[in-house]
């Protein structure tokens, strides 16, 4: 059985979905949506240097596990 997805997995998936969604909206709806793509990229860049990320904070509130095989409360899953 595959272990549950960790915060890292969720974070990469959400960031990728936001980028793909914003590019599609910018292409098909209005070019201003490309600003959202730039915002996501800037947030990823600043989080690499500051080690803080708003989505990480939200996922921790939702009790997404940080380590494979361990739940958000530190118990073995």
Protein backbone atom coordinates (compact mmCIF):
# COMPACT_ATOMS: atom_id res chain seq x y z
CA UNK A 1 0.00 0.00 0.00
CA UNK A 2 1.27 3.45 -0.92
CA UNK A 3 1.84 5.93 1.94
CA UNK A 4 -0.40 8.99 2.18
CA UNK A 5 0.68 12.13 0.36
CA UNK A 6 2.76 14.53 2.43
CA UNK A 7 2.67 18.32 2.52
CA UNK A 8 5.47 18.39 -0.07
CA UNK A 9 3.39 16.27 -2.46
CA UNK A 10 0.27 18.39 -1.96
CA UNK A 11 2.24 21.64 -2.32
CA UNK A 12 3.80 20.60 -5.64
CA UNK A 13 0.44 19.39 -6.95
CA UNK A 14 -1.40 22.56 -5.98
CA UNK A 15 1.31 24.84 -7.40
CA UNK A 16 1.33 22.89 -10.66
CA UNK A 17 -2.46 23.01 -10.90
CA UNK A 18 -2.48 26.77 -10.24
CA UNK A 19 0.13 27.37 -12.95
CA UNK A 20 -1.69 25.21 -15.52
CA UNK A 21 -5.05 26.77 -14.66
CA UNK A 22 -3.74 30.33 -14.87
CA UNK A 23 -1.99 29.69 -18.19
CA UNK A 24 -5.17 28.17 -19.64
CA UNK A 25 -7.25 31.10 -18.38
CA UNK A 26 -4.72 33.55 -19.78
CA UNK A 27 -4.77 31.84 -23.16
CA UNK A 28 -8.51 31.22 -23.51
CA UNK A 29 -10.17 33.92 -21.38
CA UNK A 30 -8.06 37.04 -20.86
CA UNK A 31 -4.30 37.76 -20.89
CA UNK A 32 -4.54 39.39 -17.45
CA UNK A 33 -4.72 35.88 -15.96
CA UNK A 34 -1.00 35.54 -16.78
CA UNK A 35 -0.45 37.84 -13.79
CA UNK A 36 -1.69 35.00 -11.59
CA UNK A 37 0.97 32.75 -13.14
CA UNK A 38 3.58 35.38 -12.25
CA UNK A 39 2.20 35.60 -8.70
CA UNK A 40 2.48 31.84 -8.22
CA UNK A 41 6.05 31.87 -9.57
CA UNK A 42 7.02 34.80 -7.33
CA UNK A 43 5.52 33.06 -4.30
CA UNK A 44 7.45 29.87 -5.08
CA UNK A 45 10.66 31.88 -5.46
CA UNK A 46 10.22 33.82 -2.20
CA UNK A 47 9.34 30.62 -0.33
CA UNK A 48 12.63 29.09 -1.48
CA UNK A 49 14.54 31.90 0.23
CA UNK A 50 12.33 32.67 3.24
CA UNK A 51 11.27 29.06 3.97
CA UNK A 52 7.70 30.32 4.53
CA UNK A 53 4.70 29.59 2.34
CA UNK A 54 1.03 30.50 2.89
CA UNK A 55 -0.13 27.23 1.31
CA UNK A 56 2.13 25.24 3.66
CA UNK A 57 0.45 27.01 6.60
CA UNK A 58 -3.00 26.15 5.22
CA UNK A 59 -2.10 22.50 4.62
CA UNK A 60 -0.79 22.21 8.18
CA UNK A 61 -4.12 23.59 9.45
CA UNK A 62 -5.84 20.87 7.41
CA UNK A 63 -3.60 18.31 9.16
CA UNK A 64 -1.81 17.02 6.06
CA UNK A 65 1.09 14.82 7.24
CA UNK A 66 4.60 16.24 6.90
CA UNK A 67 6.37 12.87 6.98
CA UNK A 68 5.41 9.71 5.05
CA UNK A 69 3.80 7.12 7.31
CA UNK A 70 3.18 9.62 10.12
CA UNK A 71 -0.06 11.55 10.53
CA UNK A 72 -0.22 15.28 11.34
CA UNK A 73 -0.26 14.56 15.08
CA UNK A 74 2.95 12.55 14.93
CA UNK A 75 1.35 9.12 15.24
CA UNK A 76 2.18 6.20 12.99
CA UNK A 77 -0.35 6.02 10.18
